[in-house]
Amino acid sequence: MSNEKFDLLDFAGFKYWFVKDADKVLLFRGPSNNPRQEMAGRIEANRVRDLSQWLNTEDRLTATFDGPMANEIKKAAGELGIPETMVIQNAVKLFLDIGSSKG
């Protein structure tokens, strides 16, 4: 999958996808059997984060890392050959285990 395009869905004869554009995410749609396309919407990247957190339920938590911490997580994931989420999950588990052993 291209880093610049995220295919969302194919519904009722139309394809929908997102495209990154600097600090915005653009929503496009077009007929499934035709290369014609139109922009259906636009959202700021920080609002995408807000939307993701708004969607949280009791059993889901969303966190966003940026800057140097994001770079370190990506680097560690690459070196270990595991997904970035797994790096974060293991770091949080280690932190909680150490915290609970002090009690």
N, C-alpha and C. Protein backbone atom coordinates (compact mmCIF):
# COMPACT_ATOMS: atom_id res chain seq x y z
N MET A 1 0.85 -1.18 0.00
CA MET A 1 0.00 0.00 0.00
C MET A 1 0.90 1.24 0.00
N SER A 2 0.57 2.19 -0.84
CA SER A 2 1.30 3.45 -0.88
C SER A 2 1.14 4.18 0.42
N ASN A 3 2.20 4.88 0.82
CA ASN A 3 2.17 5.66 2.05
C ASN A 3 1.32 6.91 1.89
N GLU A 4 1.03 7.30 0.65
CA GLU A 4 0.28 8.52 0.38
C GLU A 4 -1.20 8.28 0.15
N LYS A 5 -1.62 7.01 -0.03
CA LYS A 5 -3.02 6.70 -0.32
C LYS A 5 -3.49 5.58 0.59
N PHE A 6 -4.69 5.74 1.14
CA PHE A 6 -5.29 4.71 1.99
C PHE A 6 -6.66 4.38 1.42
N ASP A 7 -6.81 3.17 0.87
CA ASP A 7 -8.10 2.74 0.33
C ASP A 7 -9.05 2.48 1.48
N LEU A 8 -10.20 3.13 1.45
CA LEU A 8 -11.15 3.03 2.55
C LEU A 8 -12.18 1.94 2.29
N LEU A 9 -12.96 2.06 1.22
CA LEU A 9 -13.97 1.05 0.94
C LEU A 9 -14.48 1.17 -0.48
N ASP A 10 -15.17 0.12 -0.89
CA ASP A 10 -15.84 0.06 -2.18
C ASP A 10 -17.31 -0.22 -1.85
N PHE A 11 -18.20 0.76 -2.13
CA PHE A 11 -19.59 0.65 -1.68
C PHE A 11 -20.52 1.25 -2.72
N ALA A 12 -21.54 0.53 -3.06
CA ALA A 12 -22.60 1.00 -3.96
C ALA A 12 -22.05 1.55 -5.27
N GLY A 13 -21.04 0.85 -5.81
CA GLY A 13 -20.48 1.26 -7.10
C GLY A 13 -19.45 2.36 -7.03
N PHE A 14 -19.07 2.80 -5.83
CA PHE A 14 -18.06 3.84 -5.67
C PHE A 14 -16.92 3.35 -4.79
N LYS A 15 -15.72 3.79 -5.13
CA LYS A 15 -14.55 3.56 -4.28
C LYS A 15 -14.28 4.84 -3.51
N TYR A 16 -13.83 4.69 -2.27
CA TYR A 16 -13.48 5.83 -1.42
C TYR A 16 -12.05 5.62 -0.93
N TRP A 17 -11.27 6.69 -0.90
CA TRP A 17 -9.90 6.59 -0.41
C TRP A 17 -9.44 7.93 0.14
N PHE A 18 -8.43 7.85 1.01
CA PHE A 18 -7.82 9.04 1.60
C PHE A 18 -6.46 9.26 0.95
N VAL A 19 -6.07 10.54 0.83
CA VAL A 19 -4.76 10.92 0.33
C VAL A 19 -4.19 11.95 1.29
N LYS A 20 -2.90 11.77 1.66
CA LYS A 20 -2.23 12.76 2.50
C LYS A 20 -1.84 13.96 1.66
N ASP A 21 -2.04 15.15 2.21
CA ASP A 21 -1.65 16.39 1.55
C ASP A 21 -1.13 17.33 2.63
N ALA A 22 0.19 17.29 2.84
CA ALA A 22 0.83 18.09 3.90
C ALA A 22 0.19 17.74 5.24
N ASP A 23 -0.45 18.70 5.90
CA ASP A 23 -1.05 18.45 7.22
C ASP A 23 -2.56 18.20 7.12
N LYS A 24 -3.01 17.77 5.95
CA LYS A 24 -4.43 17.49 5.74
C LYS A 24 -4.60 16.07 5.20
N VAL A 25 -5.80 15.54 5.37
CA VAL A 25 -6.19 14.27 4.78
C VAL A 25 -7.38 14.55 3.87
N LEU A 26 -7.25 14.18 2.61
CA LEU A 26 -8.31 14.44 1.63
C LEU A 26 -9.06 13.14 1.37
N LEU A 27 -10.39 13.22 1.32
CA LEU A 27 -11.23 12.07 1.01
C LEU A 27 -11.68 12.19 -0.44
N PHE A 28 -11.41 11.16 -1.23
CA PHE A 28 -11.82 11.12 -2.63
C PHE A 28 -12.81 9.99 -2.84
N ARG A 29 -13.60 10.13 -3.90
CA ARG A 29 -14.48 9.05 -4.31
C ARG A 29 -14.55 9.05 -5.83
N GLY A 30 -14.83 7.87 -6.35
CA GLY A 30 -14.96 7.74 -7.79
C GLY A 30 -15.67 6.44 -8.11
N PRO A 31 -16.31 6.37 -9.28
CA PRO A 31 -16.98 5.14 -9.68
C PRO A 31 -15.99 3.98 -9.70
N SER A 32 -16.42 2.82 -9.23
CA SER A 32 -15.55 1.65 -9.15
C SER A 32 -14.98 1.25 -10.50
N ASN A 33 -15.73 1.45 -11.57
CA ASN A 33 -15.31 1.00 -12.89
C ASN A 33 -14.88 2.16 -13.79
N ASN A 34 -14.46 3.28 -13.20
CA ASN A 34 -14.14 4.47 -13.98
C ASN A 34 -13.02 5.23 -13.26
N PRO A 35 -12.01 5.73 -13.97
CA PRO A 35 -10.93 6.45 -13.30
C PRO A 35 -11.32 7.87 -12.83
N ARG A 36 -12.54 8.31 -13.17
CA ARG A 36 -12.98 9.64 -12.75
C ARG A 36 -13.02 9.70 -11.22
N GLN A 37 -12.62 10.83 -10.66
CA GLN A 37 -12.63 10.98 -9.20
C GLN A 37 -13.03 12.39 -8.81
N GLU A 38 -13.51 12.52 -7.58
CA GLU A 38 -13.83 13.84 -7.04
C GLU A 38 -13.45 13.88 -5.57
N MET A 39 -13.03 15.05 -5.11
CA MET A 39 -12.73 15.20 -3.69
C MET A 39 -14.05 15.37 -2.94
N ALA A 40 -14.25 14.52 -1.94
CA ALA A 40 -15.50 14.55 -1.18
C ALA A 40 -15.36 15.26 0.16
N GLY A 41 -14.13 15.47 0.61
CA GLY A 41 -13.94 16.14 1.89
C GLY A 41 -12.48 16.30 2.24
N ARG A 42 -12.25 17.09 3.29
CA ARG A 42 -10.88 17.38 3.74
C ARG A 42 -10.92 17.53 5.25
N ILE A 43 -9.88 17.03 5.93
CA ILE A 43 -9.81 17.15 7.38
C ILE A 43 -8.35 17.38 7.78
N GLU A 44 -8.13 18.23 8.77
CA GLU A 44 -6.80 18.49 9.28
C GLU A 44 -6.29 17.25 10.00
N ALA A 45 -4.98 16.98 9.92
CA ALA A 45 -4.39 15.79 10.53
C ALA A 45 -4.67 15.72 12.04
N ASN A 46 -4.61 16.84 12.74
CA ASN A 46 -4.87 16.80 14.18
C ASN A 46 -6.33 16.47 14.48
N ARG A 47 -7.22 16.77 13.57
CA ARG A 47 -8.63 16.40 13.76
C ARG A 47 -8.84 14.91 13.53
N VAL A 48 -7.99 14.30 12.68
CA VAL A 48 -8.04 12.85 12.50
C VAL A 48 -7.69 12.18 13.83
N ARG A 49 -6.67 12.70 14.52
CA ARG A 49 -6.32 12.19 15.85
C ARG A 49 -7.49 12.34 16.80
N ASP A 50 -8.12 13.51 16.79
CA ASP A 50 -9.27 13.76 17.66
C ASP A 50 -10.40 12.78 17.35
N LEU A 51 -10.64 12.53 16.07
CA LEU A 51 -11.69 11.59 15.66
C LEU A 51 -11.37 10.18 16.17
N SER A 52 -10.14 9.77 16.04
CA SER A 52 -9.73 8.45 16.51
C SER A 52 -9.95 8.31 18.01
N GLN A 53 -9.60 9.33 18.77
CA GLN A 53 -9.80 9.28 20.21
C GLN A 53 -11.29 9.33 20.57
N TRP A 54 -12.08 10.06 19.81
CA TRP A 54 -13.53 10.14 20.03
C TRP A 54 -14.18 8.78 19.84
N LEU A 55 -13.63 7.97 18.92
CA LEU A 55 -14.18 6.65 18.65
C LEU A 55 -13.87 5.62 19.74
N ASN A 56 -13.00 5.98 20.68
CA ASN A 56 -12.64 5.04 21.74
C ASN A 56 -13.86 4.53 22.47
N THR A 57 -13.78 3.27 22.88
CA THR A 57 -14.80 2.66 23.71
C THR A 57 -14.16 2.27 25.03
N GLU A 58 -14.92 1.65 25.89
CA GLU A 58 -14.41 1.28 27.21
C GLU A 58 -13.19 0.35 27.10
N ASP A 59 -13.14 -0.47 26.07
CA ASP A 59 -12.03 -1.42 25.95
C ASP A 59 -10.98 -1.00 24.92
N ARG A 60 -10.98 0.28 24.53
CA ARG A 60 -10.02 0.76 23.53
C ARG A 60 -9.42 2.07 24.00
N LEU A 61 -8.12 2.23 23.76
CA LEU A 61 -7.42 3.46 24.09
C LEU A 61 -6.56 3.84 22.89
N THR A 62 -6.61 5.09 22.50
CA THR A 62 -5.82 5.55 21.38
C THR A 62 -4.81 6.58 21.87
N ALA A 63 -3.57 6.41 21.46
CA ALA A 63 -2.52 7.37 21.80
C ALA A 63 -1.75 7.70 20.53
N THR A 64 -1.25 8.90 20.44
CA THR A 64 -0.47 9.32 19.29
C THR A 64 0.90 9.79 19.76
N PHE A 65 1.92 9.31 19.12
CA PHE A 65 3.28 9.73 19.42
C PHE A 65 3.78 10.56 18.25
N ASP A 66 4.49 11.64 18.56
CA ASP A 66 5.10 12.42 17.50
C ASP A 66 6.47 12.89 17.95
N GLY A 67 7.19 13.49 17.04
CA GLY A 67 8.51 14.01 17.37
C GLY A 67 9.53 12.92 17.65
N PRO A 68 10.49 13.20 18.53
CA PRO A 68 11.57 12.25 18.81
C PRO A 68 11.08 10.89 19.31
N MET A 69 10.03 10.87 20.12
CA MET A 69 9.53 9.58 20.63
C MET A 69 9.00 8.71 19.49
N ALA A 70 8.29 9.31 18.56
CA ALA A 70 7.78 8.55 17.41
C ALA A 70 8.95 7.97 16.61
N ASN A 71 9.99 8.77 16.43
CA ASN A 71 11.16 8.30 15.68
C ASN A 71 11.84 7.13 16.40
N GLU A 72 11.95 7.21 17.72
CA GLU A 72 12.57 6.12 18.49
C GLU A 72 11.74 4.84 18.43
N ILE A 73 10.43 4.97 18.50
CA ILE A 73 9.55 3.80 18.41
C ILE A 73 9.69 3.14 17.05
N LYS A 74 9.68 3.94 15.98
CA LYS A 74 9.83 3.39 14.63
C LYS A 74 11.19 2.72 14.45
N LYS A 75 12.23 3.35 14.98
CA LYS A 75 13.58 2.79 14.89
C LYS A 75 13.65 1.45 15.62
N ALA A 76 13.13 1.39 16.85
CA ALA A 76 13.16 0.15 17.63
C ALA A 76 12.36 -0.95 16.93
N ALA A 77 11.21 -0.59 16.38
CA ALA A 77 10.39 -1.58 15.68
C ALA A 77 11.15 -2.16 14.49
N GLY A 78 11.82 -1.31 13.75
CA GLY A 78 12.61 -1.77 12.61
C GLY A 78 13.75 -2.68 13.03
N GLU A 79 14.46 -2.29 14.09
CA GLU A 79 15.59 -3.08 14.57
C GLU A 79 15.14 -4.44 15.11
N LEU A 80 13.99 -4.46 15.78
CA LEU A 80 13.48 -5.70 16.37
C LEU A 80 12.66 -6.53 15.38
N GLY A 81 12.23 -5.92 14.29
CA GLY A 81 11.42 -6.61 13.30
C GLY A 81 10.01 -6.90 13.79
N ILE A 82 9.47 -5.99 14.60
CA ILE A 82 8.11 -6.15 15.12
C ILE A 82 7.32 -4.88 14.82
N PRO A 83 5.99 -4.96 14.85
CA PRO A 83 5.18 -3.75 14.59
C PRO A 83 5.39 -2.69 15.68
N GLU A 84 5.20 -1.44 15.30
CA GLU A 84 5.36 -0.34 16.24
C GLU A 84 4.44 -0.49 17.45
N THR A 85 3.22 -0.97 17.22
CA THR A 85 2.29 -1.14 18.34
C THR A 85 2.81 -2.14 19.36
N MET A 86 3.53 -3.14 18.88
CA MET A 86 4.08 -4.14 19.79
C MET A 86 5.18 -3.54 20.67
N VAL A 87 5.98 -2.63 20.11
CA VAL A 87 7.00 -1.94 20.90
C VAL A 87 6.33 -1.18 22.03
N ILE A 88 5.27 -0.46 21.71
CA ILE A 88 4.56 0.34 22.71
C ILE A 88 3.91 -0.56 23.75
N GLN A 89 3.25 -1.64 23.30
CA GLN A 89 2.60 -2.55 24.25
C GLN A 89 3.60 -3.16 25.21
N ASN A 90 4.75 -3.57 24.71
CA ASN A 90 5.77 -4.16 25.59
C ASN A 90 6.35 -3.13 26.55
N ALA A 91 6.54 -1.91 26.09
CA ALA A 91 7.07 -0.86 26.96
C ALA A 91 6.07 -0.54 28.09
N VAL A 92 4.80 -0.45 27.75
CA VAL A 92 3.77 -0.17 28.76
C VAL A 92 3.68 -1.33 29.74
N LYS A 93 3.70 -2.57 29.25
CA LYS A 93 3.64 -3.74 30.13
C LYS A 93 4.82 -3.74 31.09
N LEU A 94 6.02 -3.48 30.59
CA LEU A 94 7.21 -3.43 31.45
C LEU A 94 7.06 -2.35 32.51
N PHE A 95 6.59 -1.18 32.12
CA PHE A 95 6.38 -0.08 33.05
C PHE A 95 5.37 -0.48 34.14
N LEU A 96 4.26 -1.10 33.75
CA LEU A 96 3.25 -1.52 34.73
C LEU A 96 3.78 -2.64 35.64
N ASP A 97 4.54 -3.59 35.09
CA ASP A 97 5.11 -4.65 35.89
C ASP A 97 6.08 -4.11 36.93
N ILE A 98 6.92 -3.18 36.54
CA ILE A 98 7.88 -2.58 37.48
C ILE A 98 7.13 -1.80 38.56
N GLY A 99 6.10 -1.06 38.15
CA GLY A 99 5.30 -0.29 39.10
C GLY A 99 4.58 -1.19 40.12
N SER A 100 4.06 -2.31 39.66
CA SER A 100 3.32 -3.19 40.57
C SER A 100 4.25 -3.95 41.50
N SER A 101 5.52 -4.13 41.13
CA SER A 101 6.46 -4.85 42.00
C SER A 101 6.98 -3.95 43.13
N LYS A 102 6.79 -2.66 43.04
CA LYS A 102 7.23 -1.72 44.08
C LYS A 102 6.23 -1.62 45.22
N GLY A 103 4.99 -2.10 44.96
CA GLY A 103 3.91 -1.93 45.92
C GLY A 103 3.97 -2.87 47.03
